[in-house]
Protein backbone atom coordinates (compact mmCIF):
# COMPACT_ATOMS: atom_id res chain seq x y z
CA UNK A 1 18.73 93.38 38.20
CA UNK A 2 20.61 96.92 38.96
CA UNK A 3 22.47 98.29 36.11
CA UNK A 4 26.34 98.33 35.30
CA UNK A 5 28.29 100.72 37.89
CA UNK A 6 29.13 103.47 36.21
CA UNK A 7 33.39 104.35 36.77
CA UNK A 8 33.69 102.06 34.77
CA UNK A 9 30.99 103.66 32.96
CA UNK A 10 29.41 107.19 34.35
CA UNK A 11 26.48 108.71 34.30
CA UNK A 12 26.23 112.76 33.25
CA UNK A 13 25.11 115.54 35.16
CA UNK A 14 23.97 119.03 33.37
CA UNK A 15 27.09 121.57 31.59
CA UNK A 16 26.40 125.22 32.47
CA UNK A 17 23.99 127.91 30.77
CA UNK A 18 25.07 130.36 28.01
CA UNK A 19 28.00 132.73 29.87
CA UNK A 20 27.07 136.39 30.92
CA UNK A 21 26.85 139.29 29.25
CA UNK A 22 29.73 140.80 30.81
CA UNK A 23 32.69 140.90 27.86
CA UNK A 24 33.79 144.37 29.14
CA UNK A 25 34.40 145.82 32.03
CA UNK A 26 31.72 148.41 32.41
CA UNK A 27 29.38 145.71 33.15
CA UNK A 28 30.66 143.35 35.21
CA UNK A 29 29.46 140.28 36.55
CA UNK A 30 28.93 140.56 40.50
CA UNK A 31 30.11 137.46 42.57
CA UNK A 32 30.63 136.53 46.08
CA UNK A 33 32.39 133.74 47.72
CA UNK A 34 29.21 131.90 49.60
CA UNK A 35 27.91 130.88 45.97
CA UNK A 36 30.25 129.53 42.97
CA UNK A 37 29.47 130.30 39.92
CA UNK A 38 29.78 127.76 36.32
CA UNK A 39 29.05 129.82 33.17
CA UNK A 40 29.98 128.57 29.53
CA UNK A 41 33.59 130.53 28.15
CA UNK A 42 33.05 133.03 25.36
CA UNK A 43 34.84 131.57 22.12
CA UNK A 44 34.25 133.60 19.57
CA UNK A 45 37.22 135.55 19.23
CA UNK A 46 36.33 138.69 21.03
CA UNK A 47 39.20 140.41 23.08
CA UNK A 48 39.34 143.10 26.33
CA UNK A 49 39.19 146.18 25.12
CA UNK A 50 42.07 148.54 24.82
CA UNK A 51 43.36 151.13 28.06
CA UNK A 52 44.03 149.06 30.33
CA UNK A 53 47.59 147.67 31.65
CA UNK A 54 46.41 143.91 31.33
CA UNK A 55 50.03 142.88 32.93
CA UNK A 56 51.41 139.58 32.74
CA UNK A 57 48.14 138.33 29.68
CA UNK A 58 49.93 139.54 26.69
CA UNK A 59 46.55 137.98 24.76
CA UNK A 60 42.93 138.48 25.87
CA UNK A 61 40.71 136.70 24.25
CA UNK A 62 37.16 136.06 25.22
CA UNK A 63 37.25 138.00 28.29
CA UNK A 64 34.51 137.81 30.96
CA UNK A 65 33.91 140.35 33.71
CA UNK A 66 33.29 139.82 37.24
CA UNK A 67 33.66 141.61 40.73
CA UNK A 68 33.58 141.18 44.43
CA UNK A 69 32.78 142.71 47.48
CA UNK A 70 34.92 142.27 50.59
CA UNK A 71 32.44 141.93 53.76
CA UNK A 72 34.98 140.06 56.42
CA UNK A 73 38.41 141.63 56.22
CA UNK A 74 41.66 138.91 55.69
CA UNK A 75 43.05 136.77 52.61
CA UNK A 76 40.74 135.83 49.71
CA UNK A 77 42.63 132.69 47.21
CA UNK A 78 39.85 132.11 44.21
CA UNK A 79 40.14 129.11 42.45
CA UNK A 80 39.15 129.59 38.67
CA UNK A 81 38.93 126.01 36.55
CA UNK A 82 38.54 124.69 33.16
CA UNK A 83 38.91 121.56 30.60
CA UNK A 84 41.90 124.21 29.00
CA UNK A 85 44.21 126.28 29.38
CA UNK A 86 42.63 129.60 30.87
CA UNK A 87 43.88 132.86 32.42
CA UNK A 88 42.72 135.80 34.55
CA UNK A 89 44.01 139.10 35.67
CA UNK A 90 42.97 140.88 39.77
CA UNK A 91 42.09 144.72 40.27
CA UNK A 92 41.68 146.60 42.79
CA UNK A 93 40.65 147.57 45.94
CA UNK A 94 38.36 150.10 44.42
CA UNK A 95 36.30 152.15 47.24
CA UNK A 96 32.87 150.84 45.17
CA UNK A 97 31.42 149.39 42.27
CA UNK A 98 31.33 152.70 40.79
CA UNK A 99 34.79 153.82 40.82
CA UNK A 100 36.05 150.45 39.64
CA UNK A 101 33.70 151.15 36.07
CA UNK A 102 35.12 154.21 36.16
CA UNK A 103 38.89 153.40 35.35
CA UNK A 104 37.04 150.97 32.95
CA UNK A 105 39.68 151.47 30.00
CA UNK A 106 42.51 152.98 31.92
CA UNK A 107 43.34 150.10 35.21
CA UNK A 108 46.63 150.35 36.10
CA UNK A 109 48.77 147.09 37.18
CA UNK A 110 46.78 144.04 37.99
CA UNK A 111 47.58 143.02 41.87
CA UNK A 112 47.47 139.89 40.61
CA UNK A 113 47.42 137.66 36.56
CA UNK A 114 48.53 134.55 35.06
CA UNK A 115 49.24 133.76 31.36
CA UNK A 116 50.52 130.21 31.82
CA UNK A 117 49.12 127.29 29.81
CA UNK A 118 47.49 125.72 33.22
CA UNK A 119 43.74 125.25 33.18
CA UNK A 120 44.00 125.89 36.77
CA UNK A 121 44.48 128.97 37.93
CA UNK A 122 44.20 130.59 41.42
CA UNK A 123 43.93 134.58 42.12
CA UNK A 124 44.87 136.22 45.79
CA UNK A 125 43.79 139.45 47.51
CA UNK A 126 46.69 139.72 50.56
CA UNK A 127 44.91 142.02 53.59
CA UNK A 128 41.51 143.06 52.52
CA UNK A 129 39.42 144.70 53.91
CA UNK A 130 35.50 145.28 54.43
CA UNK A 131 33.82 147.10 51.84
CA UNK A 132 36.61 146.71 49.42
CA UNK A 133 35.87 145.74 45.57
CA UNK A 134 37.76 143.69 43.10
CA UNK A 135 37.68 143.44 39.87
CA UNK A 136 38.41 139.96 37.99
CA UNK A 137 39.09 139.26 34.43
CA UNK A 138 39.05 135.56 33.24
CA UNK A 139 40.30 134.64 29.46
CA UNK A 140 39.75 131.31 27.55
CA UNK A 141 42.61 131.21 25.59
CA UNK A 142 42.30 127.43 24.36
CA UNK A 143 39.26 128.77 22.12
CA UNK A 144 36.90 126.52 22.46
CA UNK A 145 33.45 126.39 24.67
CA UNK A 146 34.25 125.07 28.25
CA UNK A 147 33.29 125.94 31.59
CA UNK A 148 34.44 127.88 33.56
CA UNK A 149 34.19 127.52 37.39
CA UNK A 150 35.09 130.72 39.98
CA UNK A 151 35.09 129.44 43.34
CA UNK A 152 36.55 130.66 46.73
CA UNK A 153 39.72 128.50 47.43
CA UNK A 154 39.79 126.67 51.14
CA UNK A 155 42.12 128.64 53.72
CA UNK A 156 40.52 131.96 53.18
CA UNK A 157 40.45 133.93 55.23
CA UNK A 158 38.49 136.82 53.97
CA UNK A 159 34.72 136.55 52.47
CA UNK A 160 32.73 138.83 49.91
CA UNK A 161 29.44 140.48 49.80
CA UNK A 162 26.56 137.56 48.48
CA UNK A 163 24.27 140.91 48.80
CA UNK A 164 25.28 142.00 45.69
CA UNK A 165 24.72 139.32 43.96
CA UNK A 166 20.78 139.78 42.82
CA UNK A 167 17.63 136.84 41.45
CA UNK A 168 15.69 138.80 38.77
CA UNK A 169 12.75 136.86 40.24
CA UNK A 170 12.14 135.22 43.63
CA UNK A 171 10.65 132.26 42.59
CA UNK A 172 7.80 130.74 45.11
CA UNK A 173 6.93 127.65 43.44
CA UNK A 174 5.73 126.11 40.52
CA UNK A 175 3.19 123.03 40.39
CA UNK A 176 1.15 121.97 38.01
CA UNK A 177 -1.97 119.50 37.64
CA UNK A 178 -4.24 116.91 34.88
CA UNK A 179 -7.69 118.00 34.49
CA UNK A 180 -10.10 115.85 33.81
CA UNK A 181 -7.22 113.57 31.43
CA UNK A 182 -7.28 116.40 28.98
CA UNK A 183 -5.19 119.20 29.81
CA UNK A 184 -2.28 120.60 32.34
CA UNK A 185 -2.79 123.38 34.37
CA UNK A 186 0.25 125.03 35.42
CA UNK A 187 0.79 127.28 38.48
CA UNK A 188 4.06 129.34 39.90
CA UNK A 189 4.17 132.48 42.23
CA UNK A 190 6.83 135.10 42.42
CA UNK A 191 7.43 137.08 45.88
CA UNK A 192 9.27 140.10 44.09
CA UNK A 193 9.74 140.22 40.25
CA UNK A 194 13.04 142.88 39.00
CA UNK A 195 13.43 143.97 35.39
CA UNK A 196 11.25 140.79 34.55
CA UNK A 197 9.75 140.06 31.03
CA UNK A 198 8.38 137.18 30.69
CA UNK A 199 8.49 133.27 31.27
CA UNK A 200 8.37 130.89 28.53
CA UNK A 201 6.60 127.68 29.55
CA UNK A 202 8.83 124.42 28.22
CA UNK A 203 7.93 121.04 28.00
CA UNK A 204 10.20 117.83 27.37
CA UNK A 205 9.12 114.03 27.88
CA UNK A 206 12.56 112.91 27.81
CA UNK A 207 13.93 115.63 30.44
CA UNK A 208 16.24 116.39 28.06
CA UNK A 209 15.04 118.14 24.47
CA UNK A 210 12.53 121.13 25.51
CA UNK A 211 10.20 122.99 23.19
CA UNK A 212 8.27 126.04 24.31
CA UNK A 213 4.63 126.03 24.50
CA UNK A 214 3.37 128.89 25.77
CA UNK A 215 4.75 132.70 27.31
CA UNK A 216 3.16 134.65 30.20
CA UNK A 217 3.88 138.29 30.71
CA UNK A 218 5.35 139.85 33.47
CA UNK A 219 5.78 142.10 36.22
CA UNK A 220 8.42 143.89 35.66
CA UNK A 221 8.97 145.37 39.31
CA UNK A 222 7.60 144.55 41.78
CA UNK A 223 7.66 143.81 45.79
CA UNK A 224 4.37 141.90 45.67
CA UNK A 225 2.99 138.68 45.91
CA UNK A 226 2.19 137.71 41.97
CA UNK A 227 0.78 133.96 41.03
CA UNK A 228 0.63 132.83 37.83
CA UNK A 229 -1.37 130.50 35.36
CA UNK A 230 -1.00 128.82 32.28
CA UNK A 231 -3.20 125.79 31.22
CA UNK A 232 -1.45 123.16 27.79
CA UNK A 233 -5.33 122.22 26.57
CA UNK A 234 -3.16 118.16 25.30
CA UNK A 235 -3.08 115.20 27.16
CA UNK A 236 0.35 114.22 28.27
CA UNK A 237 1.63 110.60 28.16
CA UNK A 238 3.02 109.65 31.14
CA UNK A 239 6.70 111.52 32.65
CA UNK A 240 5.92 114.63 30.45
CA UNK A 241 8.14 116.68 32.09
CA UNK A 242 7.71 121.00 32.37
CA UNK A 243 9.74 123.81 33.30
CA UNK A 244 9.63 127.91 33.47
CA UNK A 245 12.24 130.17 31.45
CA UNK A 246 12.21 133.33 33.07
CA UNK A 247 13.84 136.14 30.38
CA UNK A 248 15.14 140.03 32.22
CA UNK A 249 14.53 142.51 29.44
CA UNK A 250 18.06 142.82 29.05
CA UNK A 251 17.98 139.12 27.44
CA UNK A 252 19.17 136.99 30.30
CA UNK A 253 17.09 133.96 31.59
CA UNK A 254 17.17 131.96 34.23
CA UNK A 255 15.43 128.39 34.92
CA UNK A 256 13.13 126.91 37.17
CA UNK A 257 12.90 123.69 38.88
CA UNK A 258 11.67 120.59 36.54
CA UNK A 259 8.14 118.93 37.24
CA UNK A 260 6.71 115.67 36.31
CA UNK A 261 2.76 115.17 35.34
CA UNK A 262 1.12 112.53 33.79
CA UNK A 263 0.44 108.64 34.34
CA UNK A 264 2.54 106.94 36.89
CA UNK A 265 2.82 104.19 38.96
CA UNK A 266 3.17 104.57 42.69
CA UNK A 267 7.13 104.20 44.29
CA UNK A 268 9.61 106.85 45.49
CA UNK A 269 13.05 107.12 45.60
CA UNK A 270 15.04 109.15 48.66
CA UNK A 271 18.73 111.23 48.61
CA UNK A 272 20.38 112.17 51.17
CA UNK A 273 21.91 113.87 53.05
CA UNK A 274 20.80 117.29 51.89
CA UNK A 275 22.35 119.25 51.08
CA UNK A 276 25.17 117.17 49.94
CA UNK A 277 29.13 117.70 49.37
CA UNK A 278 31.21 114.64 48.58
CA UNK A 279 28.24 112.64 47.72
CA UNK A 280 24.95 111.73 48.07
CA UNK A 281 23.13 108.11 48.32
CA UNK A 282 19.83 107.37 46.38
CA UNK A 283 17.87 104.90 48.19
CA UNK A 284 14.33 102.97 47.31
CA UNK A 285 15.33 101.49 43.82
CA UNK A 286 16.49 98.76 45.05
CA UNK A 287 15.10 96.13 41.88
CA UNK A 288 13.76 99.05 39.92
CA UNK A 289 16.64 100.79 38.59
CA UNK A 290 17.54 101.71 35.14
CA UNK A 291 19.18 104.59 34.91
CA UNK A 292 20.11 107.40 36.76
CA UNK A 293 21.28 110.87 36.03
CA UNK A 294 21.57 114.80 36.99
CA UNK A 295 20.62 117.35 35.72
CA UNK A 296 21.52 121.37 36.57
CA UNK A 297 18.36 123.43 35.61
CA UNK A 298 19.09 123.36 31.41
CA UNK A 299 18.48 119.93 31.75
CA UNK A 300 22.53 119.10 29.95
CA UNK A 301 24.32 116.29 31.11
CA UNK A 302 28.20 115.58 32.32
CA UNK A 303 29.65 112.21 33.76
CA UNK A 304 29.84 111.49 37.46
CA UNK A 305 30.50 108.33 39.52
CA UNK A 306 28.47 105.84 41.02
CA UNK A 307 28.63 102.61 43.23
CA UNK A 308 25.77 100.44 45.07
CA UNK A 309 25.65 98.13 47.67
CA UNK A 310 22.56 96.07 48.41
CA UNK A 311 19.96 98.30 46.75
CA UNK A 312 21.63 101.46 47.46
CA UNK A 313 23.38 103.72 45.17
CA UNK A 314 26.40 105.92 46.30
CA UNK A 315 27.11 108.53 44.01
CA UNK A 316 30.08 111.06 43.74
CA UNK A 317 29.43 114.94 43.46
CA UNK A 318 32.66 116.08 44.78
CA UNK A 319 33.05 117.66 41.78
CA UNK A 320 30.02 119.70 40.89
CA UNK A 321 30.01 123.26 42.00
CA UNK A 322 27.38 124.69 44.72
CA UNK A 323 23.61 124.79 43.79
CA UNK A 324 20.54 123.25 42.67
CA UNK A 325 20.52 120.07 40.58
CA UNK A 326 18.54 117.48 39.62
CA UNK A 327 17.99 113.62 40.16
CA UNK A 328 16.53 111.66 37.05
CA UNK A 329 15.49 108.22 38.08
CA UNK A 330 14.30 105.92 35.49
CA UNK A 331 13.16 102.51 36.47
CA UNK A 332 10.71 99.33 35.20
CA UNK A 333 8.13 101.77 36.74
CA UNK A 334 8.49 104.68 35.16
CA UNK A 335 10.92 107.87 35.41
CA UNK A 336 10.78 110.39 38.48
CA UNK A 337 13.03 113.41 39.00
CA UNK A 338 13.86 114.97 42.61
CA UNK A 339 15.99 118.27 43.56
CA UNK A 340 19.02 117.55 44.84
CA UNK A 341 21.43 120.37 46.88
CA UNK A 342 25.27 120.80 46.43
CA UNK A 343 26.37 122.41 49.55
């Protein structure tokens, strides 16, 4: 029989990774309208540096700084959403990032700001032109560890340059296989690497709790294809999960996709459409399903709703930010994970 459908009841999707190290305006994180960002806000009690004119912001607790560059001219609206009180201030335009950083500590009055008690804010740029750079400060007034999402709002006519957002490592593939039933061989390939310090190899028995089982040095900065191999000399039980945690020299990190290895009965499920947007459908598990979980690359969880009709499971994904997630299906025949792309 099928499990009870959530709403009432839920299954979960991940919370995002730790916040970026962008607590000063001298080191803002690049963002673009083509890719929403989600981060866990700082709650350490630090405040933004003095010297800037923060306009309507009477306080600036737990700051996170960002910048964006205009690609196509027009008006731009940016939604900033959380669970509890957040605030923002916006400065610009600047001719380039260097000019914006040079003004850090002496910013004039912001072109837009909000110090309301709301958990949802919107920053607006009117009449932006190509090449202009703007600086955005988001503060976590609530002081709690909460998820904040920054994304372009509907109705914007301007767009931003996504070329300023680069990945430290371009991972082409990550695969694994069981060798003689006694060990696991993991292989991965990078197309390019930028300031890549090392990879941590991590294992999990349930896809939630992870342990580090090894490390491979990175290549620093390299533009040629690089192949890696790691052998885990232990037998693994049914449905053991593996992933990579790539670390930069500055301490920032990114997770790979999750792969599953181990003996399991032959069954598959399918997800469509791909990429998904407001909802997606799972087929192929009629009469087998025990649970559904959706995670981001970090493997943490958040409640979503789904419904079932004639063995087809429709999931409401309207509150997910654009990006890559993983759908974990547990059935009477075992556990499998498939990639999910939200547009």
